[in-house]
Structure formats: C-alpha cells, structure tokens
Amino acid sequence: MTGIRSVIRGTGGYLPERVMSNAEISQIVETSDEWIQERTGIRQRHIAADDEMTSDLATHAAQRILKDAGIAAEQVDLIVLATTTPDKTFPATATAVQAKLGMGGGAAFDVQAVCSGFLFALATADSMLKTGLFKTALVIGAETFTRILDWSDRGTCVLFGDGAGGVVLTAETEADAGDRGVLTHHIRTDGTKSDLLHVDGGVSSTGTIGHVRMLGNQVFKHAVTNISSAINAVYDETGLTSDDVDWFVPHQANQRILNGVAKKMKLDESKVISTVGDHGNTSAASIPLALHTAVSDGRIEPGHLVLSEAMGGGFSWGASLFRI
C-alpha cells in the first residue's frame, strides 16, 4: 500500500547487571585483555543472571522503548522479536513479552536470522505496517547468547554477550511523516555457507542446545563483501550515497569488521557508531543497542539519515536505511 511509512517513534535497550571483563575471561580460557582488545575491540560484555530469560531482557527493553516514545503497551498491536536464544522451543518468546507487557491483543512472533535478526524483524514489521495490517509495532532484538557458548573456545567465547534493544514503529501517512521513516531494506541469505558459523545442536538434529562454532577468518572475508553488497543495493535503490548518510549504525560484531566495511564503503569514521567495546557482540540486540546509545547521547537527532547493516549465521545479511 502506497502512502504509508513506518516511523521510528522511540528507542530503548537493556543490558544485564553482571559485567564480565576481559580479565575475568582470561581466568576461564587462555587469553588476555590485550589479545581480545587488539583483535576485537571488546573490553567487556554483560551476562544474564541465572533467572533471567531472553523474554525478561526483551521486556525490560520494551518498557524503556515505550516510555521513550510516550506510547502505552495497549496501543501496540504487533511485536516482532528477533532472537537466536528463545525462552522455549515454543511458544514464541515474543508472546511472553506480549503477556508481560499486558499488551492484550494484536500479534507477536519471533524471527531467526542470528546477528541479522533485527534488520529482518525491522523489514518484516515495516512491510506489515505498510500493508495496513497493523498500526504500531515493537521491533526487538534480544539474546541470552552466552547460554550457547563453549567457554573453552577462545575464538568464540570472548566475542559475545547478552542484551536487548529495539524500536517502536508507527504507521503514518507520508504527509504526516514528512521525510522521516524507514526508507528501504536489502536482506539476503546463503545457506551454502552455514558450516562457517553455526550451532552444533538443535531440536530435530541432536536434541540438544549445542554451542556456537565459527571459522572466524572466513566469516570476516564474507562479512565485508556481503555487507558492502547490501549497502550498495540500498544506495542503488534510493539514489543516495555515503555522503548523504549522517550516521552508520552497524551490527556490533567486531571492531575489525566495522572498520573494514567503513573503509570499503568510504564512510567517514566519525560517522560510525561503535558500542562493541562495552557489550561485545549481542547478536540481534546489537544494532538497536547501538542506535539507542547514539540517540540518547544526542549524536543522532531527528532528521538524521541512518544506515544500518549486519551479517550473521546462515549466512544472513542485510542493510536498512531510515530517517529518525
């Protein structure tokens, strides 16, 4: 349906109280603060408490998002939650968030695209709002990713953390939205590369949760190439360039990947929002956490054009362009 645009009305995030420093990790696996920071840029990560589930993190974030937007939970008629670490096999973790918020109606479901999950969820909610199915959507990325780590594998356990973040979208006429809102997305997957980044367990395969397995060097090479391709697709569709972008809010995977993409796309480093040092790779939560940080501290202001990108297991990857 033409004439409708999804507008971001609020942002929010939540990080668990427990902080695990690089020094603490070095007591678990052979590594050091210097080694981790040099290769990843990560200084610390947050770890969910034993009694905290992914839906708890997501609910905390959702409450903050709604408060920021000045929107009541009863006004929300759609929740799209991106997660790789659901509370249960079923029902969807989004339904637990729906119940905890007291939303009372509408629809709530999960999407699974690992680190690209938030962009896939954003594209899904945006499409549904534009068709008129829903009017107000919470789009959340939430992970208890440390629950699927092998703490003896320093190639993965140093990278990830837990957290949740998101946005609330409202369907507005183009006249009311002005130049604000979600402009376009480009999302893709390639299942032939799944062995490079995956979890070695699952309901129908092993009957276990499994652990993250990754061939880091190969993932890095594909990440820079695939992400750059997605960004170029967004530019081609909109006719915009890196010069038009006010802020680049990438998936917070690894500082080297952030730098690699920015360099290849000729993005000014001063425009890149980086929070990976403070919370590590929080998978689907990382983009909204970084976005909320930059909105909260005043860097991203109303009217600014924001470009986001991500790549995760699957492989999945994508880019989104929106004006705050």
Protein backbone atom coordinates (compact mmCIF):
# COMPACT_ATOMS: atom_id res chain seq x y z
CA MET A 1 0.00 0.00 0.00
CA THR A 2 1.49 3.30 -1.08
CA GLY A 3 1.26 6.41 1.02
CA ILE A 4 2.14 4.74 4.34
CA ARG A 5 5.53 4.99 6.02
CA SER A 6 6.85 3.32 9.18
CA VAL A 7 8.27 5.95 11.52
CA ILE A 8 10.59 5.23 14.45
CA ARG A 9 8.97 6.86 17.48
CA GLY A 10 11.20 5.59 20.25
CA THR A 11 14.28 3.55 21.05
CA GLY A 12 15.43 1.62 24.10
CA GLY A 13 17.80 -1.01 25.39
CA TYR A 14 18.64 -3.20 28.34
CA LEU A 15 21.88 -4.83 29.47
CA PRO A 16 22.04 -7.31 32.37
CA GLU A 17 23.69 -6.09 35.57
CA ARG A 18 26.53 -8.57 35.60
CA VAL A 19 29.59 -7.38 33.68
CA MET A 20 32.33 -9.81 32.66
CA SER A 21 35.66 -8.15 31.91
CA ASN A 22 38.36 -9.49 29.64
CA ALA A 23 40.43 -10.10 32.76
CA GLU A 24 37.72 -12.40 34.11
CA ILE A 25 37.54 -14.33 30.85
CA SER A 26 41.30 -14.81 30.99
CA GLN A 27 40.73 -16.83 34.18
CA ILE A 28 38.45 -19.20 32.24
CA VAL A 29 40.29 -19.64 28.94
CA GLU A 30 43.83 -18.91 27.76
CA THR A 31 43.65 -15.30 26.60
CA SER A 32 44.31 -11.77 27.82
CA ASP A 33 42.74 -8.32 27.80
CA GLU A 34 45.38 -7.16 25.31
CA TRP A 35 44.76 -10.11 22.96
CA ILE A 36 40.98 -9.62 22.98
CA GLN A 37 41.05 -5.85 22.52
CA GLU A 38 43.63 -5.98 19.76
CA ARG A 39 41.60 -8.49 17.72
CA THR A 40 38.04 -7.44 18.52
CA GLY A 41 37.91 -4.07 20.26
CA ILE A 42 35.86 -5.66 23.06
CA ARG A 43 36.59 -4.66 26.67
CA GLN A 44 33.67 -6.29 28.45
CA ARG A 45 30.32 -7.99 27.98
CA HIS A 46 27.14 -8.37 30.04
CA ILE A 47 25.90 -11.74 31.27
CA ALA A 48 22.26 -12.53 32.05
CA ALA A 49 21.52 -13.70 35.58
CA ASP A 50 20.65 -17.36 36.07
CA ASP A 51 16.98 -16.48 36.49
CA GLU A 52 16.86 -14.04 33.54
CA MET A 53 15.37 -15.30 30.30
CA THR A 54 15.50 -13.71 26.88
CA SER A 55 11.90 -12.53 27.33
CA ASP A 56 12.91 -10.74 30.54
CA LEU A 57 15.64 -8.81 28.75
CA ALA A 58 13.27 -8.04 25.88
CA THR A 59 10.52 -6.86 28.25
CA HIS A 60 12.88 -4.51 30.09
CA ALA A 61 13.95 -3.05 26.74
CA ALA A 62 10.33 -2.80 25.52
CA GLN A 63 9.26 -0.87 28.59
CA ARG A 64 12.03 1.64 28.01
CA ILE A 65 11.21 1.91 24.32
CA LEU A 66 7.55 2.65 25.01
CA LYS A 67 8.44 5.18 27.70
CA ASP A 68 10.78 6.94 25.29
CA ALA A 69 8.04 7.08 22.65
CA GLY A 70 5.26 8.04 25.05
CA ILE A 71 3.22 5.09 23.81
CA ALA A 72 1.21 2.74 26.06
CA ALA A 73 1.54 -1.03 25.71
CA GLU A 74 -2.18 -1.19 24.89
CA GLN A 75 -1.53 0.79 21.72
CA VAL A 76 0.92 -1.80 20.37
CA ASP A 77 -0.69 -4.33 18.04
CA LEU A 78 2.43 -6.10 16.75
CA ILE A 79 5.65 -7.45 18.30
CA VAL A 80 8.36 -8.85 16.06
CA LEU A 81 11.18 -10.23 18.18
CA ALA A 82 14.50 -11.31 16.70
CA THR A 83 16.33 -13.93 18.73
CA THR A 84 18.52 -16.99 18.38
CA THR A 85 18.11 -17.86 22.06
CA PRO A 86 14.37 -18.22 22.74
CA ASP A 87 12.94 -18.97 26.18
CA LYS A 88 11.41 -22.21 24.89
CA THR A 89 11.10 -24.19 21.68
CA PHE A 90 7.55 -22.84 21.64
CA PRO A 91 5.61 -20.64 22.09
CA ALA A 92 7.46 -17.73 20.55
CA THR A 93 9.40 -15.59 23.01
CA ALA A 94 7.52 -12.58 21.62
CA THR A 95 4.32 -13.95 23.13
CA ALA A 96 5.95 -13.96 26.58
CA VAL A 97 6.87 -10.30 26.06
CA GLN A 98 3.30 -9.60 24.93
CA ALA A 99 1.96 -11.12 28.15
CA LYS A 100 4.50 -9.39 30.42
CA LEU A 101 3.69 -6.01 28.85
CA GLY A 102 -0.05 -6.58 29.24
CA MET A 103 -0.47 -5.85 25.55
CA GLY A 104 -3.72 -7.77 25.40
CA GLY A 105 -4.19 -8.14 21.65
CA GLY A 106 -2.62 -7.98 18.25
CA ALA A 107 0.09 -10.42 17.13
CA ALA A 108 3.51 -11.40 18.42
CA PHE A 109 6.06 -13.71 16.84
CA ASP A 110 9.79 -14.38 16.55
CA VAL A 111 12.17 -14.21 13.60
CA GLN A 112 15.51 -16.01 13.50
CA ALA A 113 18.36 -14.63 11.41
CA VAL A 114 21.02 -14.59 14.14
CA CYS A 115 23.05 -11.35 14.06
CA SER A 116 21.00 -10.03 11.13
CA GLY A 117 17.80 -10.69 13.04
CA PHE A 118 16.97 -7.12 13.97
CA LEU A 119 17.12 -5.97 10.33
CA PHE A 120 14.98 -8.93 9.23
CA ALA A 121 12.48 -8.09 12.00
CA LEU A 122 12.51 -4.42 11.04
CA ALA A 123 11.83 -5.25 7.39
CA THR A 124 9.01 -7.62 8.42
CA ALA A 125 7.29 -5.11 10.69
CA ASP A 126 7.76 -2.31 8.16
CA SER A 127 6.10 -4.38 5.46
CA MET A 128 3.17 -5.26 7.71
CA LEU A 129 2.60 -1.67 8.74
CA LYS A 130 2.70 -0.51 5.13
CA THR A 131 0.00 -3.01 4.14
CA GLY A 132 -2.30 -1.74 6.87
CA LEU A 133 -2.32 -4.99 8.87
CA PHE A 134 -1.04 -3.21 11.98
CA LYS A 135 -0.53 0.35 13.19
CA THR A 136 2.05 0.21 15.98
CA ALA A 137 4.89 -2.29 16.16
CA LEU A 138 7.58 -3.12 18.68
CA VAL A 139 10.67 -4.45 16.91
CA ILE A 140 13.07 -6.02 19.38
CA GLY A 141 16.37 -7.89 19.23
CA ALA A 142 17.06 -9.87 22.39
CA GLU A 143 19.65 -12.53 23.23
CA THR A 144 20.99 -14.62 26.08
CA PHE A 145 23.76 -15.63 23.71
CA THR A 146 26.21 -16.64 26.43
CA ARG A 147 23.97 -19.68 27.06
CA ILE A 148 25.14 -21.25 23.78
CA LEU A 149 28.86 -20.53 24.14
CA ASP A 150 31.61 -23.10 24.61
CA TRP A 151 33.65 -21.40 27.32
CA SER A 152 36.71 -23.44 26.37
CA ASP A 153 36.75 -21.98 22.83
CA ARG A 154 38.52 -18.63 23.00
CA GLY A 155 37.70 -17.96 19.35
CA THR A 156 34.03 -17.51 20.23
CA CYS A 157 33.56 -17.10 23.99
CA VAL A 158 35.40 -13.75 24.07
CA LEU A 159 33.11 -12.24 21.44
CA PHE A 160 29.55 -12.50 22.70
CA GLY A 161 27.34 -11.02 25.40
CA ASP A 162 23.68 -10.76 26.41
CA GLY A 163 21.28 -7.85 25.94
CA ALA A 164 18.16 -6.49 24.29
CA GLY A 165 17.20 -3.40 22.33
CA GLY A 166 14.62 -2.19 19.90
CA VAL A 167 12.39 0.48 18.44
CA VAL A 168 8.70 1.23 18.18
CA LEU A 169 7.28 1.97 14.75
CA THR A 170 4.01 3.68 13.91
CA ALA A 171 2.27 3.68 10.55
CA GLU A 172 1.97 7.26 9.30
CA THR A 173 0.78 8.79 6.09
CA GLU A 174 3.59 10.21 4.01
CA ALA A 175 2.10 13.66 4.54
CA ASP A 176 2.32 13.26 8.33
CA ALA A 177 5.70 11.50 8.29
CA GLY A 178 7.39 14.11 6.14
CA ASP A 179 10.87 12.87 5.32
CA ARG A 180 11.05 10.66 8.44
CA GLY A 181 10.69 6.90 8.49
CA VAL A 182 12.03 3.65 7.13
CA LEU A 183 13.12 4.11 3.52
CA THR A 184 14.29 0.71 2.31
CA HIS A 185 15.84 -2.64 3.17
CA HIS A 186 18.01 -5.20 1.43
CA ILE A 187 18.11 -8.63 3.13
CA ARG A 188 19.64 -11.86 1.84
CA THR A 189 20.76 -15.34 2.94
CA ASP A 190 23.11 -18.02 1.62
CA GLY A 191 22.56 -21.43 3.20
CA THR A 192 25.56 -22.97 1.46
CA LYS A 193 27.91 -21.20 3.90
CA SER A 194 26.18 -22.30 7.11
CA ASP A 195 29.09 -24.52 8.17
CA LEU A 196 31.26 -21.43 8.67
CA LEU A 197 29.10 -20.09 11.50
CA HIS A 198 26.54 -22.29 13.21
CA VAL A 199 25.43 -24.01 16.42
CA ASP A 200 26.16 -27.73 16.55
CA GLY A 201 22.84 -28.73 18.08
CA GLY A 202 19.11 -28.44 17.59
CA VAL A 203 15.69 -29.90 18.28
CA SER A 204 15.46 -32.18 15.23
CA SER A 205 19.17 -32.92 14.81
CA THR A 206 20.75 -33.66 18.19
CA GLY A 207 18.02 -32.90 20.67
CA THR A 208 20.46 -30.58 22.45
CA ILE A 209 21.04 -26.84 22.52
CA GLY A 210 24.58 -27.09 21.13
CA HIS A 211 27.35 -24.49 21.04
CA VAL A 212 28.48 -21.77 18.65
CA ARG A 213 31.10 -22.88 16.12
CA MET A 214 32.82 -20.40 13.85
CA LEU A 215 35.64 -20.20 11.32
CA GLY A 216 36.47 -16.59 12.09
CA ASN A 217 38.83 -15.68 9.25
CA GLN A 218 36.43 -16.94 6.59
CA VAL A 219 33.46 -15.25 8.23
CA PHE A 220 35.36 -11.94 8.24
CA LYS A 221 36.04 -12.13 4.48
CA HIS A 222 32.43 -12.91 3.63
CA ALA A 223 31.13 -10.29 6.07
CA VAL A 224 32.89 -7.33 4.47
CA THR A 225 31.93 -8.44 0.94
CA ASN A 226 28.29 -9.28 1.67
CA ILE A 227 27.62 -6.23 3.81
CA SER A 228 29.13 -3.91 1.21
CA SER A 229 26.95 -5.51 -1.45
CA ALA A 230 23.81 -4.93 0.65
CA ILE A 231 24.74 -1.30 1.26
CA ASN A 232 25.33 -0.73 -2.45
CA ALA A 233 21.90 -2.24 -3.20
CA VAL A 234 20.32 0.27 -0.80
CA TYR A 235 22.21 3.12 -2.47
CA ASP A 236 21.18 1.93 -5.93
CA GLU A 237 17.51 1.81 -4.94
CA THR A 238 17.42 5.22 -3.27
CA GLY A 239 19.94 7.11 -5.40
CA LEU A 240 21.76 8.13 -2.22
CA THR A 241 25.46 7.75 -1.40
CA SER A 242 27.68 7.55 1.66
CA ASP A 243 27.92 11.33 1.57
CA ASP A 244 24.18 11.56 2.30
CA VAL A 245 24.35 9.31 5.36
CA ASP A 246 24.57 11.12 8.70
CA TRP A 247 25.27 8.04 10.81
CA PHE A 248 26.34 4.46 10.22
CA VAL A 249 24.98 2.07 12.87
CA PRO A 250 26.41 -1.37 12.11
CA HIS A 251 25.98 -4.70 13.81
CA GLN A 252 28.48 -4.68 16.65
CA ALA A 253 30.31 -7.91 15.81
CA ASN A 254 33.93 -6.96 15.92
CA GLN A 255 35.73 -3.63 15.58
CA ARG A 256 37.79 -5.01 12.70
CA ILE A 257 34.64 -5.74 10.69
CA LEU A 258 33.22 -2.30 11.49
CA ASN A 259 36.43 -0.70 10.28
CA GLY A 260 36.65 -2.94 7.22
CA VAL A 261 33.15 -2.13 6.00
CA ALA A 262 33.53 1.59 6.70
CA LYS A 263 36.78 1.68 4.74
CA LYS A 264 35.43 -0.28 1.77
CA MET A 265 32.29 1.88 1.61
CA LYS A 266 34.31 5.10 2.09
CA LEU A 267 32.32 6.04 5.18
CA ASP A 268 33.74 8.74 7.38
CA GLU A 269 34.93 7.02 10.59
CA SER A 270 33.46 9.87 12.64
CA LYS A 271 30.01 8.78 11.43
CA VAL A 272 30.38 5.18 12.68
CA ILE A 273 28.58 4.31 15.94
CA SER A 274 30.60 1.73 17.85
CA THR A 275 29.48 0.21 21.15
CA VAL A 276 31.07 -3.23 20.73
CA GLY A 277 33.72 -2.42 23.32
CA ASP A 278 31.09 -2.03 26.05
CA HIS A 279 28.91 -5.09 25.43
CA GLY A 280 30.57 -7.30 22.82
CA ASN A 281 28.53 -8.99 20.11
CA THR A 282 24.94 -9.23 21.36
CA SER A 283 23.75 -10.72 18.07
CA ALA A 284 20.25 -9.46 17.19
CA ALA A 285 20.36 -6.92 20.02
CA SER A 286 23.49 -5.10 18.88
CA ILE A 287 22.09 -2.69 16.28
CA PRO A 288 19.22 -1.39 18.43
CA LEU A 289 21.54 -1.08 21.45
CA ALA A 290 23.98 1.00 19.40
CA LEU A 291 21.14 3.06 17.89
CA HIS A 292 19.66 3.78 21.31
CA THR A 293 23.06 4.78 22.71
CA ALA A 294 23.61 7.31 19.92
CA VAL A 295 20.07 8.69 20.14
CA SER A 296 20.31 9.00 23.93
CA ASP A 297 23.64 10.83 23.93
CA GLY A 298 22.41 13.29 21.30
CA ARG A 299 24.57 12.28 18.37
CA ILE A 300 21.62 11.02 16.32
CA GLU A 301 18.99 13.74 16.08
CA PRO A 302 15.57 13.99 14.41
CA GLY A 303 16.04 14.32 10.66
CA HIS A 304 19.31 12.41 10.54
CA LEU A 305 19.70 9.70 7.89
CA VAL A 306 20.86 6.41 9.42
CA LEU A 307 22.31 3.40 7.64
CA SER A 308 22.44 0.03 9.42
CA GLU A 309 23.92 -3.29 8.34
CA ALA A 310 24.51 -6.77 9.71
CA MET A 311 25.69 -10.24 8.87
CA GLY A 312 25.14 -13.43 10.82
CA GLY A 313 24.99 -17.20 10.63
CA GLY A 314 23.08 -18.70 7.79
CA PHE A 315 24.74 -16.77 6.22
CA SER A 316 22.24 -13.95 6.61
CA TRP A 317 22.96 -10.30 5.90
CA GLY A 318 21.32 -7.03 5.06
CA ALA A 319 21.16 -3.26 5.23
CA SER A 320 18.42 -0.78 6.15
CA LEU A 321 18.12 2.95 5.62
CA PHE A 322 15.88 5.16 7.73
CA ARG A 323 15.48 8.77 8.78
CA ILE A 324 14.93 9.36 12.50
